[in-house]
Amino acid sequence: MSEVIELVTFRTKPGVSEADFVAASQVISDWAGRQPGFHYRSLSRDGQGLWRDIVYWSSQADAQRAAEAFMRDNGQSAFMQMVDADSVVMNHSQVQQAVLGGC
């Protein structure tokens, strides 16, 4: 299995509402959906305000290409203006096993 998970954790800047941030995220979802190798994206927030942006890609090469293009294409987006840049941590990992439910 060559599928790769991209996990980005971060916090938003003080004063950013969850509703405004999720709305701004739609532009990022639309962009990701047009990238080669894109499978799935989810955005979640825990009770302490830590966001998790999880993206499944076909391969490490697809994930890397998208990561390189992301700032060029979205660096000045409303979404990125709301993110606390100092809090961002990005990791890629190879999927070892996947099970789908009855979605």
C-alpha atoms as a PDB file:
ATOM      1  CA  MET A   1       0.000   0.000   0.000  1.00  0.00           C
ATOM      2  CA  SER A   2       1.560   3.328  -1.029  1.00  0.00           C
ATOM      3  CA  GLU A   3      -1.119   5.684   0.305  1.00  0.00           C
ATOM      4  CA  VAL A   4       0.172   8.498   2.520  1.00  0.00           C
ATOM      5  CA  ILE A   5      -1.460  10.466   5.322  1.00  0.00           C
ATOM      6  CA  GLU A   6      -0.562  14.105   5.779  1.00  0.00           C
ATOM      7  CA  LEU A   7      -1.298  15.301   9.313  1.00  0.00           C
ATOM      8  CA  VAL A   8      -1.021  19.007  10.041  1.00  0.00           C
ATOM      9  CA  THR A   9      -1.691  20.268  13.557  1.00  0.00           C
ATOM     10  CA  PHE A  10      -1.985  23.952  14.419  1.00  0.00           C
ATOM     11  CA  ARG A  11      -3.854  26.629  16.329  1.00  0.00           C
ATOM     12  CA  THR A  12      -5.679  29.610  14.944  1.00  0.00           C
ATOM     13  CA  LYS A  13      -4.791  33.163  15.891  1.00  0.00           C
ATOM     14  CA  PRO A  14      -6.617  34.694  18.862  1.00  0.00           C
ATOM     15  CA  GLY A  15     -10.076  35.986  18.012  1.00  0.00           C
ATOM     16  CA  VAL A  16     -10.662  33.741  14.983  1.00  0.00           C
ATOM     17  CA  SER A  17     -14.114  32.172  15.159  1.00  0.00           C
ATOM     18  CA  GLU A  18     -14.556  28.492  14.374  1.00  0.00           C
ATOM     19  CA  ALA A  19     -17.316  29.289  11.862  1.00  0.00           C
ATOM     20  CA  ASP A  20     -15.158  31.815   9.973  1.00  0.00           C
ATOM     21  CA  PHE A  21     -12.213  29.432   9.933  1.00  0.00           C
ATOM     22  CA  VAL A  22     -14.229  26.471   8.662  1.00  0.00           C
ATOM     23  CA  ALA A  23     -15.755  28.679   5.951  1.00  0.00           C
ATOM     24  CA  ALA A  24     -12.277  29.845   4.862  1.00  0.00           C
ATOM     25  CA  SER A  25     -11.155  26.219   4.822  1.00  0.00           C
ATOM     26  CA  GLN A  26     -13.514  25.450   1.943  1.00  0.00           C
ATOM     27  CA  VAL A  27     -11.116  27.184  -0.468  1.00  0.00           C
ATOM     28  CA  ILE A  28      -8.360  24.837   0.735  1.00  0.00           C
ATOM     29  CA  SER A  29     -10.611  21.785   0.318  1.00  0.00           C
ATOM     30  CA  ASP A  30     -11.482  22.858  -3.220  1.00  0.00           C
ATOM     31  CA  TRP A  31      -7.787  23.382  -4.021  1.00  0.00           C
ATOM     32  CA  ALA A  32      -6.785  20.013  -2.515  1.00  0.00           C
ATOM     33  CA  GLY A  33      -9.488  18.248  -4.503  1.00  0.00           C
ATOM     34  CA  ARG A  34      -7.850  19.426  -7.733  1.00  0.00           C
ATOM     35  CA  GLN A  35      -4.382  18.102  -6.812  1.00  0.00           C
ATOM     36  CA  PRO A  36      -3.075  14.879  -8.367  1.00  0.00           C
ATOM     37  CA  GLY A  37      -3.316  11.942  -5.990  1.00  0.00           C
ATOM     38  CA  PHE A  38      -5.800  13.565  -3.590  1.00  0.00           C
ATOM     39  CA  HIS A  39      -8.170  11.125  -1.857  1.00  0.00           C
ATOM     40  CA  TYR A  40      -9.733  12.701   1.238  1.00  0.00           C
ATOM     41  CA  ARG A  41      -9.479  15.635   3.641  1.00  0.00           C
ATOM     42  CA  SER A  42     -10.905  16.210   7.108  1.00  0.00           C
ATOM     43  CA  LEU A  43     -10.543  19.169   9.450  1.00  0.00           C
ATOM     44  CA  SER A  44     -11.211  18.810  13.167  1.00  0.00           C
ATOM     45  CA  ARG A  45     -10.645  20.716  16.399  1.00  0.00           C
ATOM     46  CA  ASP A  46     -10.267  19.320  19.907  1.00  0.00           C
ATOM     47  CA  GLY A  47     -11.504  20.836  23.161  1.00  0.00           C
ATOM     48  CA  GLN A  48      -8.213  22.663  23.729  1.00  0.00           C
ATOM     49  CA  GLY A  49      -8.327  24.463  20.363  1.00  0.00           C
ATOM     50  CA  LEU A  50      -5.809  22.260  18.514  1.00  0.00           C
ATOM     51  CA  TRP A  51      -6.811  21.745  14.887  1.00  0.00           C
ATOM     52  CA  ARG A  52      -5.989  18.626  12.866  1.00  0.00           C
ATOM     53  CA  ASP A  53      -6.005  18.771   9.084  1.00  0.00           C
ATOM     54  CA  ILE A  54      -5.759  15.210   7.738  1.00  0.00           C
ATOM     55  CA  VAL A  55      -5.286  14.531   4.027  1.00  0.00           C
ATOM     56  CA  TYR A  56      -4.935  11.162   2.323  1.00  0.00           C
ATOM     57  CA  TRP A  57      -2.770  11.069  -0.832  1.00  0.00           C
ATOM     58  CA  SER A  58      -2.033   8.290  -3.323  1.00  0.00           C
ATOM     59  CA  SER A  59       1.710   8.519  -2.716  1.00  0.00           C
ATOM     60  CA  GLN A  60       4.482  10.385  -0.944  1.00  0.00           C
ATOM     61  CA  ALA A  61       5.357  12.063  -4.248  1.00  0.00           C
ATOM     62  CA  ASP A  62       1.796  13.409  -4.594  1.00  0.00           C
ATOM     63  CA  ALA A  63       1.828  14.634  -0.998  1.00  0.00           C
ATOM     64  CA  GLN A  64       5.187  16.316  -1.499  1.00  0.00           C
ATOM     65  CA  ARG A  65       4.129  18.043  -4.731  1.00  0.00           C
ATOM     66  CA  ALA A  66       0.996  19.357  -3.050  1.00  0.00           C
ATOM     67  CA  ALA A  67       2.937  20.561   0.000  1.00  0.00           C
ATOM     68  CA  GLU A  68       5.353  22.448  -2.251  1.00  0.00           C
ATOM     69  CA  ALA A  69       2.502  24.047  -4.222  1.00  0.00           C
ATOM     70  CA  PHE A  70       0.386  24.852  -1.175  1.00  0.00           C
ATOM     71  CA  MET A  71       2.141  28.005  -0.001  1.00  0.00           C
ATOM     72  CA  ARG A  72       2.552  29.307  -3.540  1.00  0.00           C
ATOM     73  CA  ASP A  73      -1.150  28.861  -4.247  1.00  0.00           C
ATOM     74  CA  ASN A  74      -2.625  29.507  -0.779  1.00  0.00           C
ATOM     75  CA  GLY A  75      -0.020  31.353   1.273  1.00  0.00           C
ATOM     76  CA  GLN A  76      -2.002  34.581   1.250  1.00  0.00           C
ATOM     77  CA  SER A  77      -5.451  32.983   1.581  1.00  0.00           C
ATOM     78  CA  ALA A  78      -7.909  33.939   4.316  1.00  0.00           C
ATOM     79  CA  PHE A  79      -7.368  30.447   5.759  1.00  0.00           C
ATOM     80  CA  MET A  80      -3.626  30.955   6.157  1.00  0.00           C
ATOM     81  CA  GLN A  81      -4.107  34.460   7.564  1.00  0.00           C
ATOM     82  CA  MET A  82      -6.093  32.868  10.423  1.00  0.00           C
ATOM     83  CA  VAL A  83      -3.484  30.192  11.274  1.00  0.00           C
ATOM     84  CA  ASP A  84      -0.859  30.794  13.977  1.00  0.00           C
ATOM     85  CA  ALA A  85       2.193  29.986  11.822  1.00  0.00           C
ATOM     86  CA  ASP A  86       4.394  29.247  14.860  1.00  0.00           C
ATOM     87  CA  SER A  87       2.068  26.426  15.924  1.00  0.00           C
ATOM     88  CA  VAL A  88       2.078  24.475  12.630  1.00  0.00           C
ATOM     89  CA  VAL A  89       3.487  20.927  12.643  1.00  0.00           C
ATOM     90  CA  MET A  90       3.277  18.775   9.495  1.00  0.00           C
ATOM     91  CA  ASN A  91       3.972  15.047   9.247  1.00  0.00           C
ATOM     92  CA  HIS A  92       3.606  12.452   6.510  1.00  0.00           C
ATOM     93  CA  SER A  93       3.218   8.749   7.200  1.00  0.00           C
ATOM     94  CA  GLN A  94       2.773   5.666   5.061  1.00  0.00           C
ATOM     95  CA  VAL A  95      -0.572   3.887   5.476  1.00  0.00           C
ATOM     96  CA  GLN A  96       0.000   0.330   6.662  1.00  0.00           C
ATOM     97  CA  GLN A  97      -3.616  -0.791   6.834  1.00  0.00           C
ATOM     98  CA  ALA A  98      -6.966   0.790   5.956  1.00  0.00           C
ATOM     99  CA  VAL A  99     -10.511  -0.336   6.648  1.00  0.00           C
ATOM    100  CA  LEU A 100     -13.582   1.467   5.325  1.00  0.00           C
ATOM    101  CA  GLY A 101     -16.938   1.331   6.999  1.00  0.00           C
ATOM    102  CA  GLY A 102     -20.285   1.468   5.272  1.00  0.00           C
ATOM    103  CA  CYS A 103     -20.029   5.126   4.300  1.00  0.00           C
END
